[in-house]
């Protein structure tokens, strides 16, 4: 088990990351590492298909960011309990 100061330091970093992801989500901005950029070889000349494809990828990217936020928030809650139990 890691020592409490290290755990607190990790918690601060995780909290900052959560805040960053939430802020970016509110601004409708997806961080580069979570932005899915797949080109479809199907329907290259079909603008409706291409627009829907891009919108679907964007939605998926947003869902990944939300998934990370939810995971980090659960982790923060668990860490807070551990820190409280080990003052």
N, C-alpha and C. Protein backbone atom coordinates (compact mmCIF):
# COMPACT_ATOMS: atom_id res chain seq x y z
N UNK A 1 0.85 -1.19 0.00
CA UNK A 1 0.00 0.00 0.00
C UNK A 1 0.89 1.25 0.00
N UNK A 2 0.51 2.23 -0.80
CA UNK A 2 1.32 3.43 -0.88
C UNK A 2 1.11 4.31 0.34
N UNK A 3 2.08 5.16 0.62
CA UNK A 3 1.95 6.03 1.77
C UNK A 3 0.93 7.13 1.49
N UNK A 4 0.38 7.66 2.57
CA UNK A 4 -0.71 8.63 2.46
C UNK A 4 -0.33 9.90 1.70
N UNK A 5 0.85 10.51 1.94
CA UNK A 5 1.19 11.71 1.17
C UNK A 5 1.22 11.45 -0.34
N UNK A 6 1.74 10.29 -0.74
CA UNK A 6 1.75 9.96 -2.16
C UNK A 6 0.32 9.80 -2.67
N UNK A 7 -0.53 9.18 -1.87
CA UNK A 7 -1.93 9.01 -2.24
C UNK A 7 -2.64 10.34 -2.39
N UNK A 8 -2.33 11.27 -1.50
CA UNK A 8 -2.94 12.60 -1.58
C UNK A 8 -2.47 13.34 -2.84
N UNK A 9 -1.20 13.18 -3.14
CA UNK A 9 -0.63 13.83 -4.33
C UNK A 9 -1.31 13.28 -5.60
N UNK A 10 -1.50 11.96 -5.63
CA UNK A 10 -2.17 11.35 -6.78
C UNK A 10 -3.62 11.83 -6.87
N UNK A 11 -4.25 11.98 -5.71
CA UNK A 11 -5.63 12.46 -5.69
C UNK A 11 -5.74 13.86 -6.28
N UNK A 12 -4.80 14.72 -5.93
CA UNK A 12 -4.82 16.09 -6.45
C UNK A 12 -4.67 16.07 -7.96
N UNK A 13 -3.73 15.26 -8.45
CA UNK A 13 -3.53 15.17 -9.90
C UNK A 13 -4.78 14.63 -10.60
N UNK A 14 -5.40 13.61 -9.98
CA UNK A 14 -6.60 13.02 -10.57
C UNK A 14 -7.74 14.03 -10.58
N UNK A 15 -7.88 14.78 -9.48
CA UNK A 15 -8.94 15.80 -9.39
C UNK A 15 -8.74 16.87 -10.46
N UNK A 16 -7.50 17.28 -10.67
CA UNK A 16 -7.21 18.27 -11.72
C UNK A 16 -7.55 17.72 -13.10
N UNK A 17 -7.26 16.45 -13.31
CA UNK A 17 -7.58 15.81 -14.59
C UNK A 17 -9.09 15.75 -14.81
N UNK A 18 -9.82 15.40 -13.76
CA UNK A 18 -11.29 15.37 -13.85
C UNK A 18 -11.83 16.76 -14.17
N UNK A 19 -11.32 17.77 -13.48
CA UNK A 19 -11.76 19.14 -13.73
C UNK A 19 -11.47 19.56 -15.17
N UNK A 20 -10.30 19.19 -15.67
CA UNK A 20 -9.92 19.50 -17.05
C UNK A 20 -10.90 18.84 -18.04
N UNK A 21 -11.17 17.55 -17.83
CA UNK A 21 -12.07 16.83 -18.74
C UNK A 21 -13.49 17.41 -18.70
N UNK A 22 -13.96 17.75 -17.50
CA UNK A 22 -15.30 18.32 -17.37
C UNK A 22 -15.38 19.68 -18.06
N UNK A 23 -14.37 20.51 -17.85
CA UNK A 23 -14.35 21.84 -18.48
C UNK A 23 -14.34 21.72 -19.98
N UNK A 24 -13.49 20.84 -20.49
CA UNK A 24 -13.41 20.64 -21.94
C UNK A 24 -14.72 20.11 -22.50
N UNK A 25 -15.36 19.24 -21.75
CA UNK A 25 -16.65 18.69 -22.20
C UNK A 25 -17.70 19.79 -22.28
N UNK A 26 -17.72 20.66 -21.28
CA UNK A 26 -18.67 21.77 -21.27
C UNK A 26 -18.42 22.73 -22.43
N UNK A 27 -17.16 22.84 -22.83
CA UNK A 27 -16.80 23.71 -23.95
C UNK A 27 -16.95 23.00 -25.30
N UNK A 28 -17.43 21.75 -25.25
CA UNK A 28 -17.61 20.92 -26.45
C UNK A 28 -16.27 20.71 -27.17
N UNK A 29 -15.23 20.50 -26.38
CA UNK A 29 -13.89 20.26 -26.91
C UNK A 29 -13.42 18.90 -26.42
N UNK A 30 -12.91 18.08 -27.33
CA UNK A 30 -12.42 16.77 -26.97
C UNK A 30 -10.90 16.79 -26.99
N UNK A 31 -10.26 16.41 -25.88
CA UNK A 31 -8.80 16.37 -25.88
C UNK A 31 -8.27 15.46 -26.99
N UNK A 32 -7.15 15.81 -27.54
CA UNK A 32 -6.58 15.10 -28.69
C UNK A 32 -6.47 13.60 -28.48
N UNK A 33 -6.05 13.19 -27.30
CA UNK A 33 -5.87 11.77 -27.03
C UNK A 33 -7.15 10.97 -27.00
N UNK A 34 -8.29 11.65 -26.86
CA UNK A 34 -9.58 10.96 -26.82
C UNK A 34 -10.37 11.14 -28.11
N UNK A 35 -9.84 11.90 -29.03
CA UNK A 35 -10.53 12.19 -30.27
C UNK A 35 -10.33 11.03 -31.25
N UNK A 36 -11.41 10.34 -31.58
CA UNK A 36 -11.34 9.21 -32.50
C UNK A 36 -11.42 9.76 -33.92
N UNK A 37 -10.44 9.40 -34.71
CA UNK A 37 -10.38 9.92 -36.08
C UNK A 37 -10.20 8.75 -37.04
N UNK A 38 -11.30 8.12 -37.40
CA UNK A 38 -11.26 6.99 -38.34
C UNK A 38 -11.90 7.42 -39.65
N UNK A 39 -11.21 7.19 -40.71
CA UNK A 39 -11.76 7.50 -42.02
C UNK A 39 -12.49 6.29 -42.56
N UNK A 40 -13.64 6.51 -43.12
CA UNK A 40 -14.40 5.43 -43.72
C UNK A 40 -14.08 5.34 -45.20
N UNK A 41 -13.83 4.13 -45.66
CA UNK A 41 -13.60 3.94 -47.10
C UNK A 41 -14.92 3.78 -47.83
N UNK A 42 -15.97 3.64 -47.07
CA UNK A 42 -17.31 3.52 -47.66
C UNK A 42 -17.93 4.91 -47.76
N UNK A 43 -18.66 5.15 -48.83
CA UNK A 43 -19.42 6.38 -48.98
C UNK A 43 -18.59 7.64 -49.08
N UNK A 44 -17.43 7.56 -49.70
CA UNK A 44 -16.56 8.74 -49.81
C UNK A 44 -17.25 9.91 -50.52
N UNK A 45 -18.13 9.61 -51.44
CA UNK A 45 -18.82 10.65 -52.21
C UNK A 45 -20.20 10.98 -51.64
N UNK A 46 -20.55 10.37 -50.54
CA UNK A 46 -21.87 10.56 -49.93
C UNK A 46 -21.72 11.50 -48.73
N UNK A 47 -22.05 12.77 -48.93
CA UNK A 47 -21.87 13.77 -47.89
C UNK A 47 -22.71 13.47 -46.65
N UNK A 48 -23.92 12.99 -46.84
CA UNK A 48 -24.79 12.66 -45.70
C UNK A 48 -24.15 11.56 -44.86
N UNK A 49 -23.65 10.52 -45.54
CA UNK A 49 -22.98 9.43 -44.82
C UNK A 49 -21.75 9.94 -44.07
N UNK A 50 -20.92 10.72 -44.73
CA UNK A 50 -19.70 11.24 -44.12
C UNK A 50 -20.00 12.11 -42.90
N UNK A 51 -21.03 12.95 -43.01
CA UNK A 51 -21.42 13.80 -41.87
C UNK A 51 -21.90 12.96 -40.69
N UNK A 52 -22.68 11.94 -40.99
CA UNK A 52 -23.18 11.06 -39.93
C UNK A 52 -22.02 10.28 -39.31
N UNK A 53 -21.08 9.82 -40.14
CA UNK A 53 -19.90 9.09 -39.67
C UNK A 53 -19.10 9.96 -38.69
N UNK A 54 -18.85 11.19 -39.09
CA UNK A 54 -18.07 12.10 -38.25
C UNK A 54 -18.80 12.43 -36.94
N UNK A 55 -20.11 12.62 -37.03
CA UNK A 55 -20.91 12.91 -35.83
C UNK A 55 -20.89 11.73 -34.87
N UNK A 56 -20.94 10.53 -35.42
CA UNK A 56 -20.91 9.32 -34.59
C UNK A 56 -19.56 9.19 -33.88
N UNK A 57 -18.48 9.45 -34.59
CA UNK A 57 -17.15 9.39 -33.98
C UNK A 57 -17.01 10.46 -32.89
N UNK A 58 -17.53 11.62 -33.14
CA UNK A 58 -17.46 12.71 -32.15
C UNK A 58 -18.23 12.32 -30.89
N UNK A 59 -19.41 11.74 -31.10
CA UNK A 59 -20.22 11.29 -29.96
C UNK A 59 -19.46 10.22 -29.17
N UNK A 60 -18.84 9.29 -29.86
CA UNK A 60 -18.07 8.24 -29.22
C UNK A 60 -16.91 8.84 -28.41
N UNK A 61 -16.24 9.81 -28.97
CA UNK A 61 -15.13 10.47 -28.27
C UNK A 61 -15.62 11.14 -26.98
N UNK A 62 -16.79 11.78 -27.06
CA UNK A 62 -17.36 12.42 -25.87
C UNK A 62 -17.70 11.37 -24.81
N UNK A 63 -18.23 10.24 -25.26
CA UNK A 63 -18.59 9.17 -24.33
C UNK A 63 -17.34 8.62 -23.63
N UNK A 64 -16.22 8.53 -24.33
CA UNK A 64 -14.98 8.08 -23.71
C UNK A 64 -14.54 9.04 -22.62
N UNK A 65 -14.65 10.33 -22.88
CA UNK A 65 -14.29 11.33 -21.88
C UNK A 65 -15.20 11.21 -20.66
N UNK A 66 -16.50 11.02 -20.89
CA UNK A 66 -17.44 10.86 -19.78
C UNK A 66 -17.12 9.60 -18.98
N UNK A 67 -16.75 8.54 -19.66
CA UNK A 67 -16.39 7.29 -19.01
C UNK A 67 -15.18 7.50 -18.09
N UNK A 68 -14.19 8.23 -18.57
CA UNK A 68 -13.02 8.52 -17.75
C UNK A 68 -13.38 9.35 -16.53
N UNK A 69 -14.21 10.35 -16.72
CA UNK A 69 -14.63 11.20 -15.59
C UNK A 69 -15.32 10.36 -14.53
N UNK A 70 -16.24 9.50 -14.96
CA UNK A 70 -16.96 8.64 -14.01
C UNK A 70 -16.00 7.72 -13.26
N UNK A 71 -15.06 7.15 -13.98
CA UNK A 71 -14.07 6.26 -13.35
C UNK A 71 -13.24 7.03 -12.32
N UNK A 72 -12.72 8.19 -12.72
CA UNK A 72 -11.89 8.98 -11.82
C UNK A 72 -12.67 9.44 -10.60
N UNK A 73 -13.93 9.79 -10.77
CA UNK A 73 -14.73 10.23 -9.63
C UNK A 73 -14.95 9.08 -8.64
N UNK A 74 -15.17 7.88 -9.15
CA UNK A 74 -15.30 6.72 -8.26
C UNK A 74 -13.97 6.48 -7.54
N UNK A 75 -12.88 6.57 -8.27
CA UNK A 75 -11.56 6.36 -7.70
C UNK A 75 -11.25 7.41 -6.63
N UNK A 76 -11.62 8.65 -6.90
CA UNK A 76 -11.40 9.72 -5.91
C UNK A 76 -12.18 9.45 -4.63
N UNK A 77 -13.41 8.98 -4.77
CA UNK A 77 -14.22 8.67 -3.59
C UNK A 77 -13.58 7.53 -2.78
N UNK A 78 -13.09 6.51 -3.47
CA UNK A 78 -12.42 5.40 -2.78
C UNK A 78 -11.14 5.89 -2.10
N UNK A 79 -10.39 6.70 -2.78
CA UNK A 79 -9.14 7.23 -2.22
C UNK A 79 -9.40 8.10 -1.00
N UNK A 80 -10.47 8.89 -1.06
CA UNK A 80 -10.81 9.75 0.08
C UNK A 80 -11.10 8.89 1.32
N UNK A 81 -11.78 7.77 1.11
CA UNK A 81 -12.07 6.86 2.21
C UNK A 81 -10.78 6.28 2.78
N UNK A 82 -9.88 5.88 1.89
CA UNK A 82 -8.59 5.33 2.35
C UNK A 82 -7.78 6.35 3.13
N UNK A 83 -7.77 7.56 2.63
CA UNK A 83 -7.00 8.63 3.30
C UNK A 83 -7.62 8.94 4.66
N UNK A 84 -8.95 8.97 4.72
CA UNK A 84 -9.64 9.26 5.98
C UNK A 84 -9.38 8.15 7.03
N UNK A 85 -9.26 6.92 6.53
CA UNK A 85 -9.01 5.80 7.44
C UNK A 85 -7.55 5.72 7.90
N UNK A 86 -6.67 6.42 7.19
CA UNK A 86 -5.23 6.42 7.52
C UNK A 86 -4.71 7.84 7.65
N UNK A 87 -5.10 8.54 8.71
CA UNK A 87 -4.70 9.97 8.83
C UNK A 87 -3.21 10.17 8.97
